[in-house]
Amino acid sequence: MRHRHTGRTTPTPAPTPDPPADNDPRFGTCAEANRNGYGPYRRGVDPEYAWYQDRDGDGLVCER
């Protein structure tokens, strides 16, 4: 069976940029970051803040 070309192309996803070298490693959860000795991160100060959810809205993530 031949496939008909429809003229549509599949978009290529944009590459995900690597975090700057001076950022901490990115972990799946704050608990994992804490276990590895990282955190806390402050809103507006630490770029890593954006990687995690601030559940209580206090401007601090990965509190220990």
PDB file of N, CA and C in Angstrom:
ATOM      1  N   MET A   1       0.844  -1.164   0.000  1.00  0.00           N
ATOM      2  CA  MET A   1       0.000   0.000   0.000  1.00  0.00           C
ATOM      3  C   MET A   1       0.894   1.233   0.000  1.00  0.00           C
ATOM      4  N   ARG A   2       0.614   2.186  -0.877  1.00  0.00           N
ATOM      5  CA  ARG A   2       1.383   3.428  -0.946  1.00  0.00           C
ATOM      6  C   ARG A   2       0.731   4.472  -0.071  1.00  0.00           C
ATOM      7  N   HIS A   3       1.570   5.288   0.592  1.00  0.00           N
ATOM      8  CA  HIS A   3       1.066   6.379   1.402  1.00  0.00           C
ATOM      9  C   HIS A   3       1.086   7.646   0.576  1.00  0.00           C
ATOM     10  N   ARG A   4       0.031   8.345   0.624  1.00  0.00           N
ATOM     11  CA  ARG A   4      -0.070   9.590  -0.118  1.00  0.00           C
ATOM     12  C   ARG A   4       0.555  10.717   0.699  1.00  0.00           C
ATOM     13  N   HIS A   5       1.391  11.521   0.062  1.00  0.00           N
ATOM     14  CA  HIS A   5       1.994  12.676   0.730  1.00  0.00           C
ATOM     15  C   HIS A   5       0.953  13.791   0.763  1.00  0.00           C
ATOM     16  N   THR A   6       0.679  14.298   1.954  1.00  0.00           N
ATOM     17  CA  THR A   6      -0.363  15.312   2.115  1.00  0.00           C
ATOM     18  C   THR A   6       0.187  16.729   2.083  1.00  0.00           C
ATOM     19  N   GLY A   7       1.517  16.879   2.048  1.00  0.00           N
ATOM     20  CA  GLY A   7       2.088  18.216   2.056  1.00  0.00           C
ATOM     21  C   GLY A   7       2.286  18.761   3.463  1.00  0.00           C
ATOM     22  N   ARG A   8       1.797  18.050   4.446  1.00  0.00           N
ATOM     23  CA  ARG A   8       1.970  18.479   5.834  1.00  0.00           C
ATOM     24  C   ARG A   8       3.311  17.975   6.341  1.00  0.00           C
ATOM     25  N   THR A   9       3.933  18.789   7.156  1.00  0.00           N
ATOM     26  CA  THR A   9       5.174  18.356   7.774  1.00  0.00           C
ATOM     27  C   THR A   9       4.968  18.280   9.275  1.00  0.00           C
ATOM     28  N   THR A  10       5.707  17.402   9.870  1.00  0.00           N
ATOM     29  CA  THR A  10       5.657  17.275  11.321  1.00  0.00           C
ATOM     30  C   THR A  10       6.640  18.285  11.893  1.00  0.00           C
ATOM     31  N   PRO A  11       6.163  19.175  12.769  1.00  0.00           N
ATOM     32  CA  PRO A  11       7.086  20.169  13.324  1.00  0.00           C
ATOM     33  C   PRO A  11       8.164  19.506  14.173  1.00  0.00           C
ATOM     34  N   THR A  12       9.358  20.020  14.049  1.00  0.00           N
ATOM     35  CA  THR A  12      10.464  19.533  14.859  1.00  0.00           C
ATOM     36  C   THR A  12      10.467  20.320  16.153  1.00  0.00           C
ATOM     37  N   PRO A  13      10.459  19.626  17.294  1.00  0.00           N
ATOM     38  CA  PRO A  13      10.452  20.360  18.565  1.00  0.00           C
ATOM     39  C   PRO A  13      11.733  21.168  18.723  1.00  0.00           C
ATOM     40  N   ALA A  14      11.585  22.328  19.318  1.00  0.00           N
ATOM     41  CA  ALA A  14      12.746  23.180  19.573  1.00  0.00           C
ATOM     42  C   ALA A  14      13.610  22.519  20.638  1.00  0.00           C
ATOM     43  N   PRO A  15      14.909  22.619  20.493  1.00  0.00           N
ATOM     44  CA  PRO A  15      15.763  22.013  21.526  1.00  0.00           C
ATOM     45  C   PRO A  15      15.596  22.731  22.850  1.00  0.00           C
ATOM     46  N   THR A  16      15.680  21.966  23.911  1.00  0.00           N
ATOM     47  CA  THR A  16      15.591  22.540  25.255  1.00  0.00           C
ATOM     48  C   THR A  16      16.967  23.068  25.616  1.00  0.00           C
ATOM     49  N   PRO A  17      17.059  24.348  25.929  1.00  0.00           N
ATOM     50  CA  PRO A  17      18.385  24.875  26.261  1.00  0.00           C
ATOM     51  C   PRO A  17      18.902  24.300  27.577  1.00  0.00           C
ATOM     52  N   ASP A  18      20.196  24.115  27.626  1.00  0.00           N
ATOM     53  CA  ASP A  18      20.813  23.651  28.866  1.00  0.00           C
ATOM     54  C   ASP A  18      20.788  24.784  29.878  1.00  0.00           C
ATOM     55  N   PRO A  19      20.603  24.466  31.153  1.00  0.00           N
ATOM     56  CA  PRO A  19      20.651  25.532  32.157  1.00  0.00           C
ATOM     57  C   PRO A  19      22.056  26.120  32.196  1.00  0.00           C
ATOM     58  N   PRO A  20      22.175  27.385  32.552  1.00  0.00           N
ATOM     59  CA  PRO A  20      23.515  27.972  32.669  1.00  0.00           C
ATOM     60  C   PRO A  20      24.388  27.146  33.599  1.00  0.00           C
ATOM     61  N   ALA A  21      25.669  27.140  33.330  1.00  0.00           N
ATOM     62  CA  ALA A  21      26.604  26.301  34.076  1.00  0.00           C
ATOM     63  C   ALA A  21      26.642  26.636  35.569  1.00  0.00           C
ATOM     64  N   ASP A  22      26.288  27.874  35.930  1.00  0.00           N
ATOM     65  CA  ASP A  22      26.355  28.240  37.338  1.00  0.00           C
ATOM     66  C   ASP A  22      25.088  27.906  38.116  1.00  0.00           C
ATOM     67  N   ASN A  23      24.063  27.341  37.451  1.00  0.00           N
ATOM     68  CA  ASN A  23      22.861  26.905  38.163  1.00  0.00           C
ATOM     69  C   ASN A  23      23.123  25.554  38.815  1.00  0.00           C
ATOM     70  N   ASP A  24      22.348  25.282  39.859  1.00  0.00           N
ATOM     71  CA  ASP A  24      22.397  23.965  40.479  1.00  0.00           C
ATOM     72  C   ASP A  24      21.827  22.942  39.504  1.00  0.00           C
ATOM     73  N   PRO A  25      22.107  21.648  39.716  1.00  0.00           N
ATOM     74  CA  PRO A  25      21.475  20.624  38.878  1.00  0.00           C
ATOM     75  C   PRO A  25      19.961  20.662  39.068  1.00  0.00           C
ATOM     76  N   ARG A  26      19.234  20.296  38.038  1.00  0.00           N
ATOM     77  CA  ARG A  26      17.772  20.269  38.128  1.00  0.00           C
ATOM     78  C   ARG A  26      17.332  18.867  38.535  1.00  0.00           C
ATOM     79  N   PHE A  27      16.513  18.811  39.581  1.00  0.00           N
ATOM     80  CA  PHE A  27      16.015  17.539  40.091  1.00  0.00           C
ATOM     81  C   PHE A  27      14.523  17.430  39.810  1.00  0.00           C
ATOM     82  N   GLY A  28      13.980  16.229  39.917  1.00  0.00           N
ATOM     83  CA  GLY A  28      12.568  16.004  39.676  1.00  0.00           C
ATOM     84  C   GLY A  28      11.673  16.591  40.752  1.00  0.00           C
ATOM     85  N   THR A  29      12.180  16.658  41.980  1.00  0.00           N
ATOM     86  CA  THR A  29      11.404  17.180  43.101  1.00  0.00           C
ATOM     87  C   THR A  29      12.324  17.944  44.050  1.00  0.00           C
ATOM     88  N   CYS A  30      11.722  18.766  44.884  1.00  0.00           N
ATOM     89  CA  CYS A  30      12.491  19.459  45.921  1.00  0.00           C
ATOM     90  C   CYS A  30      13.091  18.468  46.908  1.00  0.00           C
ATOM     91  N   ALA A  31      12.366  17.421  47.226  1.00  0.00           N
ATOM     92  CA  ALA A  31      12.891  16.426  48.160  1.00  0.00           C
ATOM     93  C   ALA A  31      14.194  15.842  47.627  1.00  0.00           C
ATOM     94  N   GLU A  32      14.243  15.575  46.348  1.00  0.00           N
ATOM     95  CA  GLU A  32      15.455  15.043  45.738  1.00  0.00           C
ATOM     96  C   GLU A  32      16.572  16.083  45.770  1.00  0.00           C
ATOM     97  N   ALA A  33      16.235  17.343  45.476  1.00  0.00           N
ATOM     98  CA  ALA A  33      17.230  18.420  45.551  1.00  0.00           C
ATOM     99  C   ALA A  33      17.784  18.527  46.971  1.00  0.00           C
ATOM    100  N   ASN A  34      16.901  18.507  47.956  1.00  0.00           N
ATOM    101  CA  ASN A  34      17.321  18.595  49.358  1.00  0.00           C
ATOM    102  C   ASN A  34      18.217  17.419  49.757  1.00  0.00           C
ATOM    103  N   ARG A  35      17.850  16.211  49.330  1.00  0.00           N
ATOM    104  CA  ARG A  35      18.663  15.024  49.654  1.00  0.00           C
ATOM    105  C   ARG A  35      20.083  15.163  49.105  1.00  0.00           C
ATOM    106  N   ASN A  36      20.219  15.927  48.019  1.00  0.00           N
ATOM    107  CA  ASN A  36      21.525  16.119  47.401  1.00  0.00           C
ATOM    108  C   ASN A  36      22.213  17.405  47.849  1.00  0.00           C
ATOM    109  N   GLY A  37      21.623  18.064  48.860  1.00  0.00           N
ATOM    110  CA  GLY A  37      22.255  19.229  49.454  1.00  0.00           C
ATOM    111  C   GLY A  37      21.944  20.561  48.794  1.00  0.00           C
ATOM    112  N   TYR A  38      20.872  20.625  47.983  1.00  0.00           N
ATOM    113  CA  TYR A  38      20.511  21.858  47.278  1.00  0.00           C
ATOM    114  C   TYR A  38      19.231  22.460  47.846  1.00  0.00           C
ATOM    115  N   GLY A  39      19.057  23.776  47.613  1.00  0.00           N
ATOM    116  CA  GLY A  39      17.895  24.506  48.068  1.00  0.00           C
ATOM    117  C   GLY A  39      18.191  25.172  49.390  1.00  0.00           C
ATOM    118  N   PRO A  40      17.386  26.049  49.856  1.00  0.00           N
ATOM    119  CA  PRO A  40      16.156  26.559  49.229  1.00  0.00           C
ATOM    120  C   PRO A  40      16.469  27.601  48.146  1.00  0.00           C
ATOM    121  N   TYR A  41      15.441  27.911  47.344  1.00  0.00           N
ATOM    122  CA  TYR A  41      15.541  28.886  46.259  1.00  0.00           C
ATOM    123  C   TYR A  41      14.483  29.965  46.460  1.00  0.00           C
ATOM    124  N   ARG A  42      14.886  31.232  46.266  1.00  0.00           N
ATOM    125  CA  ARG A  42      13.992  32.377  46.462  1.00  0.00           C
ATOM    126  C   ARG A  42      13.516  32.941  45.129  1.00  0.00           C
ATOM    127  N   ARG A  43      12.230  33.300  45.083  1.00  0.00           N
ATOM    128  CA  ARG A  43      11.638  33.944  43.909  1.00  0.00           C
ATOM    129  C   ARG A  43      12.369  35.262  43.650  1.00  0.00           C
ATOM    130  N   GLY A  44      12.715  35.510  42.391  1.00  0.00           N
ATOM    131  CA  GLY A  44      13.379  36.742  42.007  1.00  0.00           C
ATOM    132  C   GLY A  44      14.864  36.785  42.299  1.00  0.00           C
ATOM    133  N   VAL A  45      15.376  35.763  42.955  1.00  0.00           N
ATOM    134  CA  VAL A  45      16.799  35.722  43.301  1.00  0.00           C
ATOM    135  C   VAL A  45      17.479  34.543  42.607  1.00  0.00           C
ATOM    136  N   ASP A  46      16.890  33.363  42.765  1.00  0.00           N
ATOM    137  CA  ASP A  46      17.484  32.129  42.252  1.00  0.00           C
ATOM    138  C   ASP A  46      16.737  31.644  41.017  1.00  0.00           C
ATOM    139  N   PRO A  47      17.435  31.471  39.875  1.00  0.00           N
ATOM    140  CA  PRO A  47      16.748  30.969  38.678  1.00  0.00           C
ATOM    141  C   PRO A  47      16.132  29.592  38.887  1.00  0.00           C
ATOM    142  N   GLU A  48      16.701  28.811  39.796  1.00  0.00           N
ATOM    143  CA  GLU A  48      16.181  27.464  40.070  1.00  0.00           C
ATOM    144  C   GLU A  48      14.780  27.495  40.673  1.00  0.00           C
ATOM    145  N   TYR A  49      14.385  28.625  41.228  1.00  0.00           N
ATOM    146  CA  TYR A  49      13.041  28.766  41.813  1.00  0.00           C
ATOM    147  C   TYR A  49      11.962  28.358  40.804  1.00  0.00           C
ATOM    148  N   ALA A  50      12.129  28.727  39.547  1.00  0.00           N
ATOM    149  CA  ALA A  50      11.118  28.459  38.518  1.00  0.00           C
ATOM    150  C   ALA A  50      10.961  26.968  38.211  1.00  0.00           C
ATOM    151  N   TRP A  51      11.900  26.156  38.617  1.00  0.00           N
ATOM    152  CA  TRP A  51      11.849  24.731  38.325  1.00  0.00           C
ATOM    153  C   TRP A  51      10.909  23.967  39.237  1.00  0.00           C
ATOM    154  N   TYR A  52      10.545  24.552  40.366  1.00  0.00           N
ATOM    155  CA  TYR A  52       9.773  23.826  41.378  1.00  0.00           C
ATOM    156  C   TYR A  52       8.499  24.590  41.732  1.00  0.00           C
ATOM    157  N   GLN A  53       7.528  23.898  42.275  1.00  0.00           N
ATOM    158  CA  GLN A  53       6.235  24.509  42.610  1.00  0.00           C
ATOM    159  C   GLN A  53       6.268  25.087  44.022  1.00  0.00           C
ATOM    160  N   ASP A  54       5.894  26.367  44.111  1.00  0.00           N
ATOM    161  CA  ASP A  54       5.812  27.044  45.410  1.00  0.00           C
ATOM    162  C   ASP A  54       4.404  26.825  45.952  1.00  0.00           C
ATOM    163  N   ARG A  55       4.203  25.704  46.595  1.00  0.00           N
ATOM    164  CA  ARG A  55       2.857  25.292  47.030  1.00  0.00           C
ATOM    165  C   ARG A  55       2.231  26.240  48.040  1.00  0.00           C
ATOM    166  N   ASP A  56       3.027  26.833  48.925  1.00  0.00           N
ATOM    167  CA  ASP A  56       2.431  27.720  49.925  1.00  0.00           C
ATOM    168  C   ASP A  56       2.538  29.198  49.549  1.00  0.00           C
ATOM    169  N   GLY A  57       3.115  29.506  48.390  1.00  0.00           N
ATOM    170  CA  GLY A  57       3.135  30.865  47.871  1.00  0.00           C
ATOM    171  C   GLY A  57       3.993  31.842  48.669  1.00  0.00           C
ATOM    172  N   ASP A  58       4.978  31.326  49.413  1.00  0.00           N
ATOM    173  CA  ASP A  58       5.793  32.223  50.240  1.00  0.00           C
ATOM    174  C   ASP A  58       7.042  32.747  49.554  1.00  0.00           C
ATOM    175  N   GLY A  59       7.206  32.420  48.267  1.00  0.00           N
ATOM    176  CA  GLY A  59       8.374  32.907  47.535  1.00  0.00           C
ATOM    177  C   GLY A  59       9.630  32.092  47.767  1.00  0.00           C
ATOM    178  N   LEU A  60       9.465  30.939  48.376  1.00  0.00           N
ATOM    179  CA  LEU A  60      10.589  30.067  48.691  1.00  0.00           C
ATOM    180  C   LEU A  60      10.207  28.635  48.320  1.00  0.00           C
ATOM    181  N   VAL A  61      11.097  27.968  47.598  1.00  0.00           N
ATOM    182  CA  VAL A  61      10.870  26.549  47.263  1.00  0.00           C
ATOM    183  C   VAL A  61      12.034  25.728  47.776  1.00  0.00           C
ATOM    184  N   CYS A  62      11.781  24.477  47.946  1.00  0.00           N
ATOM    185  CA  CYS A  62      12.774  23.515  48.429  1.00  0.00           C
ATOM    186  C   CYS A  62      13.306  23.888  49.801  1.00  0.00           C
ATOM    187  N   GLU A  63      12.395  24.373  50.659  1.00  0.00           N
ATOM    188  CA  GLU A  63      12.779  24.649  52.040  1.00  0.00           C
ATOM    189  C   GLU A  63      13.191  23.340  52.706  1.00  0.00           C
ATOM    190  N   ARG A  64      14.065  23.444  53.637  1.00  0.00           N
ATOM    191  CA  ARG A  64      14.507  22.239  54.366  1.00  0.00           C
ATOM    192  C   ARG A  64      13.881  22.218  55.717  1.00  0.00           C
TER     193      ARG A  64
END
